[in-house]
């Protein structure tokens, strides 16, 4: 005779898997914020940007953001697909002087 299924145990297992996936998602979002340098923004600024992005229905804008995001992830990969260990550096300050050969330079 077949052994009856333990639905309670199966439901607990599924609930544990859901919790683990939610924890992983939260951890990866935090890592993404740090990897992009957005952790340097104030929490209110970051929240405002995310709220604005979530509310945007402009598909052209979303496509631009999607492309920028895809490019970000591609920058962090070697040709063989393995992630490289990169150190995020602050951008070099821009010079206020015009470039040589530019209009007004002399």
C-alpha atoms as a PDB file:
ATOM      1  CA  UNK A   1       0.000   0.000   0.000  1.00  0.00           C
ATOM      2  CA  UNK A   2       1.226   3.504  -0.800  1.00  0.00           C
ATOM      3  CA  UNK A   3       2.344   5.770   1.940  1.00  0.00           C
ATOM      4  CA  UNK A   4       0.183   8.926   2.205  1.00  0.00           C
ATOM      5  CA  UNK A   5       1.781  12.214   1.226  1.00  0.00           C
ATOM      6  CA  UNK A   6       2.771  14.567   3.985  1.00  0.00           C
ATOM      7  CA  UNK A   7       1.301  17.802   2.630  1.00  0.00           C
ATOM      8  CA  UNK A   8       2.323  19.796   5.685  1.00  0.00           C
ATOM      9  CA  UNK A   9       5.981  18.844   5.217  1.00  0.00           C
ATOM     10  CA  UNK A  10       5.800  19.648   1.499  1.00  0.00           C
ATOM     11  CA  UNK A  11       4.230  23.051   2.224  1.00  0.00           C
ATOM     12  CA  UNK A  12       6.921  23.798   4.818  1.00  0.00           C
ATOM     13  CA  UNK A  13       9.630  22.843   2.325  1.00  0.00           C
ATOM     14  CA  UNK A  14       8.111  25.125  -0.319  1.00  0.00           C
ATOM     15  CA  UNK A  15       7.777  27.975   2.186  1.00  0.00           C
ATOM     16  CA  UNK A  16      11.446  27.540   3.128  1.00  0.00           C
ATOM     17  CA  UNK A  17      12.422  27.671  -0.564  1.00  0.00           C
ATOM     18  CA  UNK A  18      10.382  30.863  -1.065  1.00  0.00           C
ATOM     19  CA  UNK A  19      12.082  32.476   1.946  1.00  0.00           C
ATOM     20  CA  UNK A  20      15.529  31.467   0.671  1.00  0.00           C
ATOM     21  CA  UNK A  21      14.773  32.925  -2.774  1.00  0.00           C
ATOM     22  CA  UNK A  22      13.497  36.178  -1.262  1.00  0.00           C
ATOM     23  CA  UNK A  23      16.612  36.452   0.916  1.00  0.00           C
ATOM     24  CA  UNK A  24      18.828  35.808  -2.113  1.00  0.00           C
ATOM     25  CA  UNK A  25      16.983  38.429  -4.172  1.00  0.00           C
ATOM     26  CA  UNK A  26      17.382  41.016  -1.426  1.00  0.00           C
ATOM     27  CA  UNK A  27      21.080  40.228  -1.005  1.00  0.00           C
ATOM     28  CA  UNK A  28      21.694  40.430  -4.777  1.00  0.00           C
ATOM     29  CA  UNK A  29      19.854  43.769  -5.017  1.00  0.00           C
ATOM     30  CA  UNK A  30      22.106  45.128  -2.291  1.00  0.00           C
ATOM     31  CA  UNK A  31      25.162  43.850  -4.151  1.00  0.00           C
ATOM     32  CA  UNK A  32      23.891  45.485  -7.344  1.00  0.00           C
ATOM     33  CA  UNK A  33      23.457  48.836  -5.599  1.00  0.00           C
ATOM     34  CA  UNK A  34      27.035  48.611  -4.320  1.00  0.00           C
ATOM     35  CA  UNK A  35      28.470  47.407  -7.648  1.00  0.00           C
ATOM     36  CA  UNK A  36      26.927  50.296  -9.573  1.00  0.00           C
ATOM     37  CA  UNK A  37      28.163  52.859  -7.084  1.00  0.00           C
ATOM     38  CA  UNK A  38      24.607  53.855  -6.198  1.00  0.00           C
ATOM     39  CA  UNK A  39      25.412  53.225  -2.541  1.00  0.00           C
ATOM     40  CA  UNK A  40      27.169  56.607  -2.622  1.00  0.00           C
ATOM     41  CA  UNK A  41      23.797  58.281  -3.187  1.00  0.00           C
ATOM     42  CA  UNK A  42      21.725  59.320  -0.225  1.00  0.00           C
ATOM     43  CA  UNK A  43      19.005  56.836   0.702  1.00  0.00           C
ATOM     44  CA  UNK A  44      16.300  59.388  -0.121  1.00  0.00           C
ATOM     45  CA  UNK A  45      17.815  60.043  -3.565  1.00  0.00           C
ATOM     46  CA  UNK A  46      18.138  56.326  -4.302  1.00  0.00           C
ATOM     47  CA  UNK A  47      14.556  55.707  -3.171  1.00  0.00           C
ATOM     48  CA  UNK A  48      13.334  58.596  -5.342  1.00  0.00           C
ATOM     49  CA  UNK A  49      15.142  57.256  -8.396  1.00  0.00           C
ATOM     50  CA  UNK A  50      13.703  53.782  -7.880  1.00  0.00           C
ATOM     51  CA  UNK A  51      10.174  55.094  -7.306  1.00  0.00           C
ATOM     52  CA  UNK A  52      10.437  57.195 -10.484  1.00  0.00           C
ATOM     53  CA  UNK A  53      11.800  54.246 -12.486  1.00  0.00           C
ATOM     54  CA  UNK A  54       9.060  51.919 -11.234  1.00  0.00           C
ATOM     55  CA  UNK A  55       6.356  54.459 -12.135  1.00  0.00           C
ATOM     56  CA  UNK A  56       7.733  55.209 -15.613  1.00  0.00           C
ATOM     57  CA  UNK A  57       5.572  53.922 -18.437  1.00  0.00           C
ATOM     58  CA  UNK A  58       7.706  55.493 -21.181  1.00  0.00           C
ATOM     59  CA  UNK A  59       8.874  52.429 -23.086  1.00  0.00           C
ATOM     60  CA  UNK A  60      11.638  54.348 -24.879  1.00  0.00           C
ATOM     61  CA  UNK A  61      13.115  55.403 -21.537  1.00  0.00           C
ATOM     62  CA  UNK A  62      12.818  51.873 -20.173  1.00  0.00           C
ATOM     63  CA  UNK A  63      14.583  50.493 -23.249  1.00  0.00           C
ATOM     64  CA  UNK A  64      17.436  52.976 -22.740  1.00  0.00           C
ATOM     65  CA  UNK A  65      17.720  51.874 -19.108  1.00  0.00           C
ATOM     66  CA  UNK A  66      17.620  48.216 -20.162  1.00  0.00           C
ATOM     67  CA  UNK A  67      20.464  48.745 -22.632  1.00  0.00           C
ATOM     68  CA  UNK A  68      22.529  50.598 -20.050  1.00  0.00           C
ATOM     69  CA  UNK A  69      21.938  47.793 -17.562  1.00  0.00           C
ATOM     70  CA  UNK A  70      22.875  45.106 -20.070  1.00  0.00           C
ATOM     71  CA  UNK A  71      26.051  47.022 -20.939  1.00  0.00           C
ATOM     72  CA  UNK A  72      26.895  47.249 -17.227  1.00  0.00           C
ATOM     73  CA  UNK A  73      26.689  43.485 -16.841  1.00  0.00           C
ATOM     74  CA  UNK A  74      28.653  42.838 -20.036  1.00  0.00           C
ATOM     75  CA  UNK A  75      31.466  45.147 -18.856  1.00  0.00           C
ATOM     76  CA  UNK A  76      32.013  42.889 -15.862  1.00  0.00           C
ATOM     77  CA  UNK A  77      32.609  39.725 -17.896  1.00  0.00           C
ATOM     78  CA  UNK A  78      35.649  38.306 -19.662  1.00  0.00           C
ATOM     79  CA  UNK A  79      35.323  36.910 -23.171  1.00  0.00           C
ATOM     80  CA  UNK A  80      34.982  33.413 -21.681  1.00  0.00           C
ATOM     81  CA  UNK A  81      31.963  34.549 -19.642  1.00  0.00           C
ATOM     82  CA  UNK A  82      33.681  34.378 -16.259  1.00  0.00           C
ATOM     83  CA  UNK A  83      33.134  37.378 -14.035  1.00  0.00           C
ATOM     84  CA  UNK A  84      36.216  39.462 -13.472  1.00  0.00           C
ATOM     85  CA  UNK A  85      37.109  41.007 -10.155  1.00  0.00           C
ATOM     86  CA  UNK A  86      36.860  44.739 -10.745  1.00  0.00           C
ATOM     87  CA  UNK A  87      37.524  47.587  -8.380  1.00  0.00           C
ATOM     88  CA  UNK A  88      35.219  50.542  -8.809  1.00  0.00           C
ATOM     89  CA  UNK A  89      37.128  53.790  -8.964  1.00  0.00           C
ATOM     90  CA  UNK A  90      35.815  57.328  -8.796  1.00  0.00           C
ATOM     91  CA  UNK A  91      35.932  59.087 -12.164  1.00  0.00           C
ATOM     92  CA  UNK A  92      38.886  61.410 -12.695  1.00  0.00           C
ATOM     93  CA  UNK A  93      38.001  65.073 -12.221  1.00  0.00           C
ATOM     94  CA  UNK A  94      37.416  66.895 -15.493  1.00  0.00           C
ATOM     95  CA  UNK A  95      39.751  69.698 -16.415  1.00  0.00           C
ATOM     96  CA  UNK A  96      38.160  73.109 -16.788  1.00  0.00           C
ATOM     97  CA  UNK A  97      40.618  73.978 -19.559  1.00  0.00           C
ATOM     98  CA  UNK A  98      39.574  73.466 -23.200  1.00  0.00           C
ATOM     99  CA  UNK A  99      41.275  70.651 -25.046  1.00  0.00           C
ATOM    100  CA  UNK A 100      44.150  71.512 -27.366  1.00  0.00           C
ATOM    101  CA  UNK A 101      42.839  72.442 -30.789  1.00  0.00           C
ATOM    102  CA  UNK A 102      39.374  73.244 -29.456  1.00  0.00           C
ATOM    103  CA  UNK A 103      37.690  76.503 -30.387  1.00  0.00           C
ATOM    104  CA  UNK A 104      38.927  79.318 -28.160  1.00  0.00           C
ATOM    105  CA  UNK A 105      42.144  77.525 -27.221  1.00  0.00           C
ATOM    106  CA  UNK A 106      45.169  79.489 -27.901  1.00  0.00           C
END
